[in-house]
Structures are given as C-alpha cells and as structure tokens.
Amino acid sequence: MTITTPQFRTLAHTPTILRGWLDGMDPDAMIWKSTADRWSIREVLAHVVDVERRNIFKRVNDIATINDPEILRAPPE
C-alpha cells in the first residue's frame, strides 16, 4: 500500500516522532500523573500499542479508501 495522504504519512512517522520525544526521558517522568485519574505517559503509550495491535491502521485505511466500508465492532473486553 502506498501512503498518499498527509494523515497516513503522519501515522507512518509516529514511531520515529515518539522515539525522539522519549529518548533519554527520566523513567520517573514516564510514570508521573498530574492527578490520580489522569494517565501517565507510560499508560498512554501502552494504550497506543494496544490500539495498534487491534489493527486500527487497517480500519482507518478502509474508512479512507473504500466507499461504504464494513466496519466491524471491536470485541468486548
């Protein structure tokens, strides 16, 4: 698949961007939360990995490239 839209190019570069932001970050900063009900950087990254594992890229691609795509619901957790 050739990535042709700015949005897909951004998605393709996201790992590099994240590495640049996180390289050398203090481990304590990764787990810090501003309040108990907010997510830490580490929790946000774990969520991103989980979403990627559920194949979000394919879903986004289908939405962007297929006229009237079939969108399946995520299985309940």
PDB file of N, CA and C in Angstrom:
ATOM      1  N   MET A   1       0.833  -1.175   0.000  1.00  0.00           N
ATOM      2  CA  MET A   1       0.000   0.000   0.000  1.00  0.00           C
ATOM      3  C   MET A   1       0.880   1.240   0.000  1.00  0.00           C
ATOM      4  N   THR A   2       0.560   2.189  -0.821  1.00  0.00           N
ATOM      5  CA  THR A   2       1.273   3.453  -0.862  1.00  0.00           C
ATOM      6  C   THR A   2       0.530   4.473  -0.013  1.00  0.00           C
ATOM      7  N   ILE A   3       1.245   5.099   0.883  1.00  0.00           N
ATOM      8  CA  ILE A   3       0.642   6.111   1.741  1.00  0.00           C
ATOM      9  C   ILE A   3       0.704   7.436   1.004  1.00  0.00           C
ATOM     10  N   THR A   4      -0.469   8.010   0.750  1.00  0.00           N
ATOM     11  CA  THR A   4      -0.506   9.214  -0.078  1.00  0.00           C
ATOM     12  C   THR A   4      -1.089  10.430   0.617  1.00  0.00           C
ATOM     13  N   THR A   5      -1.783  10.257   1.727  1.00  0.00           N
ATOM     14  CA  THR A   5      -2.380  11.420   2.380  1.00  0.00           C
ATOM     15  C   THR A   5      -1.482  11.898   3.514  1.00  0.00           C
ATOM     16  N   PRO A   6      -1.581  13.165   3.874  1.00  0.00           N
ATOM     17  CA  PRO A   6      -0.774  13.660   4.995  1.00  0.00           C
ATOM     18  C   PRO A   6      -1.044  12.885   6.290  1.00  0.00           C
ATOM     19  N   GLN A   7      -2.289  12.487   6.489  1.00  0.00           N
ATOM     20  CA  GLN A   7      -2.625  11.760   7.708  1.00  0.00           C
ATOM     21  C   GLN A   7      -1.891  10.418   7.780  1.00  0.00           C
ATOM     22  N   PHE A   8      -1.840   9.699   6.670  1.00  0.00           N
ATOM     23  CA  PHE A   8      -1.146   8.419   6.662  1.00  0.00           C
ATOM     24  C   PHE A   8       0.357   8.606   6.752  1.00  0.00           C
ATOM     25  N   ARG A   9       0.892   9.653   6.177  1.00  0.00           N
ATOM     26  CA  ARG A   9       2.326   9.918   6.324  1.00  0.00           C
ATOM     27  C   ARG A   9       2.655  10.200   7.795  1.00  0.00           C
ATOM     28  N   THR A  10       1.782  10.935   8.475  1.00  0.00           N
ATOM     29  CA  THR A  10       1.981  11.197   9.899  1.00  0.00           C
ATOM     30  C   THR A  10       1.960   9.900  10.688  1.00  0.00           C
ATOM     31  N   LEU A  11       0.990   9.038  10.406  1.00  0.00           N
ATOM     32  CA  LEU A  11       0.934   7.743  11.086  1.00  0.00           C
ATOM     33  C   LEU A  11       2.214   6.940  10.851  1.00  0.00           C
ATOM     34  N   ALA A  12       2.708   6.963   9.636  1.00  0.00           N
ATOM     35  CA  ALA A  12       3.909   6.203   9.307  1.00  0.00           C
ATOM     36  C   ALA A  12       5.129   6.721  10.069  1.00  0.00           C
ATOM     37  N   HIS A  13       5.154   8.014  10.366  1.00  0.00           N
ATOM     38  CA  HIS A  13       6.305   8.611  11.052  1.00  0.00           C
ATOM     39  C   HIS A  13       6.147   8.652  12.568  1.00  0.00           C
ATOM     40  N   THR A  14       5.005   8.250  13.077  1.00  0.00           N
ATOM     41  CA  THR A  14       4.745   8.332  14.512  1.00  0.00           C
ATOM     42  C   THR A  14       5.782   7.599  15.360  1.00  0.00           C
ATOM     43  N   PRO A  15       6.202   6.378  15.021  1.00  0.00           N
ATOM     44  CA  PRO A  15       7.229   5.729  15.863  1.00  0.00           C
ATOM     45  C   PRO A  15       8.515   6.549  15.979  1.00  0.00           C
ATOM     46  N   THR A  16       8.951   7.136  14.893  1.00  0.00           N
ATOM     47  CA  THR A  16      10.170   7.958  14.915  1.00  0.00           C
ATOM     48  C   THR A  16       9.960   9.209  15.768  1.00  0.00           C
ATOM     49  N   ILE A  17       8.808   9.820  15.621  1.00  0.00           N
ATOM     50  CA  ILE A  17       8.489  11.015  16.415  1.00  0.00           C
ATOM     51  C   ILE A  17       8.482  10.674  17.900  1.00  0.00           C
ATOM     52  N   LEU A  18       7.830   9.580  18.266  1.00  0.00           N
ATOM     53  CA  LEU A  18       7.767   9.179  19.674  1.00  0.00           C
ATOM     54  C   LEU A  18       9.151   8.871  20.228  1.00  0.00           C
ATOM     55  N   ARG A  19       9.974   8.167  19.446  1.00  0.00           N
ATOM     56  CA  ARG A  19      11.341   7.883  19.904  1.00  0.00           C
ATOM     57  C   ARG A  19      12.101   9.178  20.188  1.00  0.00           C
ATOM     58  N   GLY A  20      11.932  10.167  19.318  1.00  0.00           N
ATOM     59  CA  GLY A  20      12.603  11.451  19.524  1.00  0.00           C
ATOM     60  C   GLY A  20      12.158  12.141  20.796  1.00  0.00           C
ATOM     61  N   TRP A  21      10.875  12.100  21.101  1.00  0.00           N
ATOM     62  CA  TRP A  21      10.361  12.721  22.324  1.00  0.00           C
ATOM     63  C   TRP A  21      10.809  11.987  23.575  1.00  0.00           C
ATOM     64  N   LEU A  22      10.872  10.653  23.486  1.00  0.00           N
ATOM     65  CA  LEU A  22      11.091   9.841  24.681  1.00  0.00           C
ATOM     66  C   LEU A  22      12.544   9.485  24.944  1.00  0.00           C
ATOM     67  N   ASP A  23      13.408   9.656  23.958  1.00  0.00           N
ATOM     68  CA  ASP A  23      14.815   9.288  24.109  1.00  0.00           C
ATOM     69  C   ASP A  23      15.434  10.052  25.277  1.00  0.00           C
ATOM     70  N   GLY A  24      15.922   9.319  26.244  1.00  0.00           N
ATOM     71  CA  GLY A  24      16.585   9.939  27.383  1.00  0.00           C
ATOM     72  C   GLY A  24      15.640  10.472  28.452  1.00  0.00           C
ATOM     73  N   MET A  25      14.332  10.247  28.314  1.00  0.00           N
ATOM     74  CA  MET A  25      13.393  10.742  29.312  1.00  0.00           C
ATOM     75  C   MET A  25      13.619  10.019  30.639  1.00  0.00           C
ATOM     76  N   ASP A  26      13.560  10.771  31.707  1.00  0.00           N
ATOM     77  CA  ASP A  26      13.685  10.210  33.049  1.00  0.00           C
ATOM     78  C   ASP A  26      12.569   9.186  33.275  1.00  0.00           C
ATOM     79  N   PRO A  27      12.909   7.973  33.725  1.00  0.00           N
ATOM     80  CA  PRO A  27      11.877   6.949  33.957  1.00  0.00           C
ATOM     81  C   PRO A  27      10.768   7.410  34.907  1.00  0.00           C
ATOM     82  N   ASP A  28      11.117   8.238  35.876  1.00  0.00           N
ATOM     83  CA  ASP A  28      10.091   8.751  36.790  1.00  0.00           C
ATOM     84  C   ASP A  28       9.090   9.648  36.064  1.00  0.00           C
ATOM     85  N   ALA A  29       9.561  10.358  35.055  1.00  0.00           N
ATOM     86  CA  ALA A  29       8.654  11.208  34.274  1.00  0.00           C
ATOM     87  C   ALA A  29       7.659  10.364  33.481  1.00  0.00           C
ATOM     88  N   MET A  30       8.077   9.157  33.114  1.00  0.00           N
ATOM     89  CA  MET A  30       7.197   8.269  32.336  1.00  0.00           C
ATOM     90  C   MET A  30       6.000   7.789  33.146  1.00  0.00           C
ATOM     91  N   ILE A  31       6.139   7.700  34.461  1.00  0.00           N
ATOM     92  CA  ILE A  31       5.044   7.175  35.283  1.00  0.00           C
ATOM     93  C   ILE A  31       4.321   8.268  36.077  1.00  0.00           C
ATOM     94  N   TRP A  32       4.775   9.512  35.972  1.00  0.00           N
ATOM     95  CA  TRP A  32       4.161  10.614  36.706  1.00  0.00           C
ATOM     96  C   TRP A  32       2.757  10.893  36.181  1.00  0.00           C
ATOM     97  N   LYS A  33       1.843  11.197  37.107  1.00  0.00           N
ATOM     98  CA  LYS A  33       0.479  11.593  36.764  1.00  0.00           C
ATOM     99  C   LYS A  33       0.180  12.915  37.453  1.00  0.00           C
ATOM    100  N   SER A  34      -0.483  13.810  36.750  1.00  0.00           N
ATOM    101  CA  SER A  34      -0.829  15.098  37.360  1.00  0.00           C
ATOM    102  C   SER A  34      -1.892  14.927  38.439  1.00  0.00           C
ATOM    103  N   THR A  35      -2.795  13.963  38.248  1.00  0.00           N
ATOM    104  CA  THR A  35      -3.787  13.591  39.251  1.00  0.00           C
ATOM    105  C   THR A  35      -4.018  12.088  39.124  1.00  0.00           C
ATOM    106  N   ALA A  36      -4.641  11.495  40.143  1.00  0.00           N
ATOM    107  CA  ALA A  36      -4.837  10.045  40.155  1.00  0.00           C
ATOM    108  C   ALA A  36      -5.696   9.553  39.001  1.00  0.00           C
ATOM    109  N   ASP A  37      -6.587  10.401  38.494  1.00  0.00           N
ATOM    110  CA  ASP A  37      -7.486   9.957  37.423  1.00  0.00           C
ATOM    111  C   ASP A  37      -6.950  10.255  36.027  1.00  0.00           C
ATOM    112  N   ARG A  38      -5.734  10.776  35.927  1.00  0.00           N
ATOM    113  CA  ARG A  38      -5.108  11.044  34.622  1.00  0.00           C
ATOM    114  C   ARG A  38      -4.141   9.930  34.277  1.00  0.00           C
ATOM    115  N   TRP A  39      -3.850   9.767  32.989  1.00  0.00           N
ATOM    116  CA  TRP A  39      -2.919   8.738  32.548  1.00  0.00           C
ATOM    117  C   TRP A  39      -1.495   9.270  32.543  1.00  0.00           C
ATOM    118  N   SER A  40      -0.553   8.397  32.861  1.00  0.00           N
ATOM    119  CA  SER A  40       0.868   8.730  32.732  1.00  0.00           C
ATOM    120  C   SER A  40       1.284   8.557  31.264  1.00  0.00           C
ATOM    121  N   ILE A  41       2.459   9.037  30.935  1.00  0.00           N
ATOM    122  CA  ILE A  41       2.992   8.842  29.581  1.00  0.00           C
ATOM    123  C   ILE A  41       3.086   7.346  29.283  1.00  0.00           C
ATOM    124  N   ARG A  42       3.549   6.597  30.238  1.00  0.00           N
ATOM    125  CA  ARG A  42       3.678   5.141  30.064  1.00  0.00           C
ATOM    126  C   ARG A  42       2.327   4.490  29.766  1.00  0.00           C
ATOM    127  N   GLU A  43       1.286   4.896  30.472  1.00  0.00           N
ATOM    128  CA  GLU A  43      -0.050   4.343  30.236  1.00  0.00           C
ATOM    129  C   GLU A  43      -0.585   4.734  28.858  1.00  0.00           C
ATOM    130  N   VAL A  44      -0.323   5.965  28.448  1.00  0.00           N
ATOM    131  CA  VAL A  44      -0.751   6.405  27.116  1.00  0.00           C
ATOM    132  C   VAL A  44      -0.064   5.567  26.041  1.00  0.00           C
ATOM    133  N   LEU A  45       1.237   5.361  26.181  1.00  0.00           N
ATOM    134  CA  LEU A  45       1.966   4.562  25.198  1.00  0.00           C
ATOM    135  C   LEU A  45       1.477   3.114  25.176  1.00  0.00           C
ATOM    136  N   ALA A  46       1.170   2.554  26.342  1.00  0.00           N
ATOM    137  CA  ALA A  46       0.628   1.194  26.392  1.00  0.00           C
ATOM    138  C   ALA A  46      -0.713   1.137  25.662  1.00  0.00           C
ATOM    139  N   HIS A  47      -1.504   2.178  25.811  1.00  0.00           N
ATOM    140  CA  HIS A  47      -2.794   2.241  25.107  1.00  0.00           C
ATOM    141  C   HIS A  47      -2.577   2.305  23.594  1.00  0.00           C
ATOM    142  N   VAL A  48      -1.624   3.100  23.160  1.00  0.00           N
ATOM    143  CA  VAL A  48      -1.329   3.205  21.723  1.00  0.00           C
ATOM    144  C   VAL A  48      -0.925   1.839  21.172  1.00  0.00           C
ATOM    145  N   VAL A  49      -0.076   1.137  21.886  1.00  0.00           N
ATOM    146  CA  VAL A  49       0.345  -0.195  21.452  1.00  0.00           C
ATOM    147  C   VAL A  49      -0.857  -1.129  21.373  1.00  0.00           C
ATOM    148  N   ASP A  50      -1.727  -1.084  22.369  1.00  0.00           N
ATOM    149  CA  ASP A  50      -2.917  -1.938  22.380  1.00  0.00           C
ATOM    150  C   ASP A  50      -3.812  -1.639  21.179  1.00  0.00           C
ATOM    151  N   VAL A  51      -4.025  -0.372  20.890  1.00  0.00           N
ATOM    152  CA  VAL A  51      -4.862   0.012  19.748  1.00  0.00           C
ATOM    153  C   VAL A  51      -4.226  -0.462  18.446  1.00  0.00           C
ATOM    154  N   GLU A  52      -2.919  -0.294  18.309  1.00  0.00           N
ATOM    155  CA  GLU A  52      -2.233  -0.751  17.110  1.00  0.00           C
ATOM    156  C   GLU A  52      -2.380  -2.263  16.938  1.00  0.00           C
ATOM    157  N   ARG A  53      -2.301  -2.976  18.039  1.00  0.00           N
ATOM    158  CA  ARG A  53      -2.446  -4.435  17.974  1.00  0.00           C
ATOM    159  C   ARG A  53      -3.835  -4.839  17.497  1.00  0.00           C
ATOM    160  N   ARG A  54      -4.784  -3.993  17.727  1.00  0.00           N
ATOM    161  CA  ARG A  54      -6.151  -4.291  17.282  1.00  0.00           C
ATOM    162  C   ARG A  54      -6.362  -3.868  15.832  1.00  0.00           C
ATOM    163  N   ASN A  55      -5.262  -3.537  15.167  1.00  0.00           N
ATOM    164  CA  ASN A  55      -5.270  -3.267  13.733  1.00  0.00           C
ATOM    165  C   ASN A  55      -6.028  -2.006  13.349  1.00  0.00           C
ATOM    166  N   ILE A  56      -5.829  -0.954  14.104  1.00  0.00           N
ATOM    167  CA  ILE A  56      -6.503   0.312  13.812  1.00  0.00           C
ATOM    168  C   ILE A  56      -6.089   0.857  12.448  1.00  0.00           C
ATOM    169  N   PHE A  57      -4.823   0.605  12.055  1.00  0.00           N
ATOM    170  CA  PHE A  57      -4.363   1.142  10.776  1.00  0.00           C
ATOM    171  C   PHE A  57      -5.216   0.617   9.618  1.00  0.00           C
ATOM    172  N   LYS A  58      -5.538  -0.685   9.631  1.00  0.00           N
ATOM    173  CA  LYS A  58      -6.372  -1.242   8.582  1.00  0.00           C
ATOM    174  C   LYS A  58      -7.756  -0.608   8.597  1.00  0.00           C
ATOM    175  N   ARG A  59      -8.314  -0.418   9.780  1.00  0.00           N
ATOM    176  CA  ARG A  59      -9.637   0.199   9.870  1.00  0.00           C
ATOM    177  C   ARG A  59      -9.623   1.616   9.302  1.00  0.00           C
ATOM    178  N   VAL A  60      -8.626   2.387   9.683  1.00  0.00           N
ATOM    179  CA  VAL A  60      -8.526   3.764   9.186  1.00  0.00           C
ATOM    180  C   VAL A  60      -8.348   3.764   7.670  1.00  0.00           C
ATOM    181  N   ASN A  61      -7.503   2.879   7.170  1.00  0.00           N
ATOM    182  CA  ASN A  61      -7.285   2.780   5.731  1.00  0.00           C
ATOM    183  C   ASN A  61      -8.583   2.423   5.010  1.00  0.00           C
ATOM    184  N   ASP A  62      -9.322   1.452   5.538  1.00  0.00           N
ATOM    185  CA  ASP A  62     -10.594   1.071   4.913  1.00  0.00           C
ATOM    186  C   ASP A  62     -11.562   2.255   4.868  1.00  0.00           C
ATOM    187  N   ILE A  63     -11.643   2.980   5.955  1.00  0.00           N
ATOM    188  CA  ILE A  63     -12.536   4.139   6.006  1.00  0.00           C
ATOM    189  C   ILE A  63     -12.129   5.179   4.966  1.00  0.00           C
ATOM    190  N   ALA A  64     -10.818   5.367   4.818  1.00  0.00           N
ATOM    191  CA  ALA A  64     -10.318   6.399   3.908  1.00  0.00           C
ATOM    192  C   ALA A  64     -10.378   5.994   2.438  1.00  0.00           C
ATOM    193  N   THR A  65     -10.334   4.694   2.145  1.00  0.00           N
ATOM    194  CA  THR A  65     -10.174   4.287   0.746  1.00  0.00           C
ATOM    195  C   THR A  65     -11.321   3.491   0.147  1.00  0.00           C
ATOM    196  N   ILE A  66     -12.229   2.998   0.980  1.00  0.00           N
ATOM    197  CA  ILE A  66     -13.318   2.166   0.461  1.00  0.00           C
ATOM    198  C   ILE A  66     -14.635   2.924   0.575  1.00  0.00           C
ATOM    199  N   ASN A  67     -15.381   2.929  -0.510  1.00  0.00           N
ATOM    200  CA  ASN A  67     -16.696   3.545  -0.478  1.00  0.00           C
ATOM    201  C   ASN A  67     -17.633   2.623   0.303  1.00  0.00           C
ATOM    202  N   ASP A  68     -18.174   3.099   1.406  1.00  0.00           N
ATOM    203  CA  ASP A  68     -19.087   2.343   2.257  1.00  0.00           C
ATOM    204  C   ASP A  68     -18.422   1.080   2.812  1.00  0.00           C
ATOM    205  N   PRO A  69     -17.310   1.215   3.557  1.00  0.00           N
ATOM    206  CA  PRO A  69     -16.625   0.039   4.089  1.00  0.00           C
ATOM    207  C   PRO A  69     -17.422  -0.621   5.209  1.00  0.00           C
ATOM    208  N   GLU A  70     -17.213  -1.920   5.378  1.00  0.00           N
ATOM    209  CA  GLU A  70     -17.819  -2.624   6.501  1.00  0.00           C
ATOM    210  C   GLU A  70     -16.927  -2.390   7.717  1.00  0.00           C
ATOM    211  N   ILE A  71     -17.483  -1.805   8.742  1.00  0.00           N
ATOM    212  CA  ILE A  71     -16.727  -1.517   9.955  1.00  0.00           C
ATOM    213  C   ILE A  71     -17.203  -2.473  11.042  1.00  0.00           C
ATOM    214  N   LEU A  72     -16.321  -3.357  11.446  1.00  0.00           N
ATOM    215  CA  LEU A  72     -16.651  -4.322  12.490  1.00  0.00           C
ATOM    216  C   LEU A  72     -16.388  -3.705  13.857  1.00  0.00           C
ATOM    217  N   ARG A  73     -17.216  -4.070  14.809  1.00  0.00           N
ATOM    218  CA  ARG A  73     -17.037  -3.580  16.171  1.00  0.00           C
ATOM    219  C   ARG A  73     -15.896  -4.336  16.832  1.00  0.00           C
ATOM    220  N   ALA A  74     -15.205  -3.651  17.713  1.00  0.00           N
ATOM    221  CA  ALA A  74     -14.157  -4.296  18.493  1.00  0.00           C
ATOM    222  C   ALA A  74     -14.806  -5.272  19.460  1.00  0.00           C
ATOM    223  N   PRO A  75     -14.157  -6.406  19.707  1.00  0.00           N
ATOM    224  CA  PRO A  75     -14.740  -7.359  20.657  1.00  0.00           C
ATOM    225  C   PRO A  75     -14.786  -6.758  22.058  1.00  0.00           C
ATOM    226  N   PRO A  76     -15.791  -7.124  22.834  1.00  0.00           N
ATOM    227  CA  PRO A  76     -15.853  -6.595  24.203  1.00  0.00           C
ATOM    228  C   PRO A  76     -14.665  -7.081  25.028  1.00  0.00           C
ATOM    229  N   GLU A  77     -14.250  -6.261  25.949  1.00  0.00           N
ATOM    230  CA  GLU A  77     -13.100  -6.634  26.778  1.00  0.00           C
ATOM    231  C   GLU A  77     -13.528  -7.423  27.975  1.00  0.00           C
TER     232      GLU A  77
END
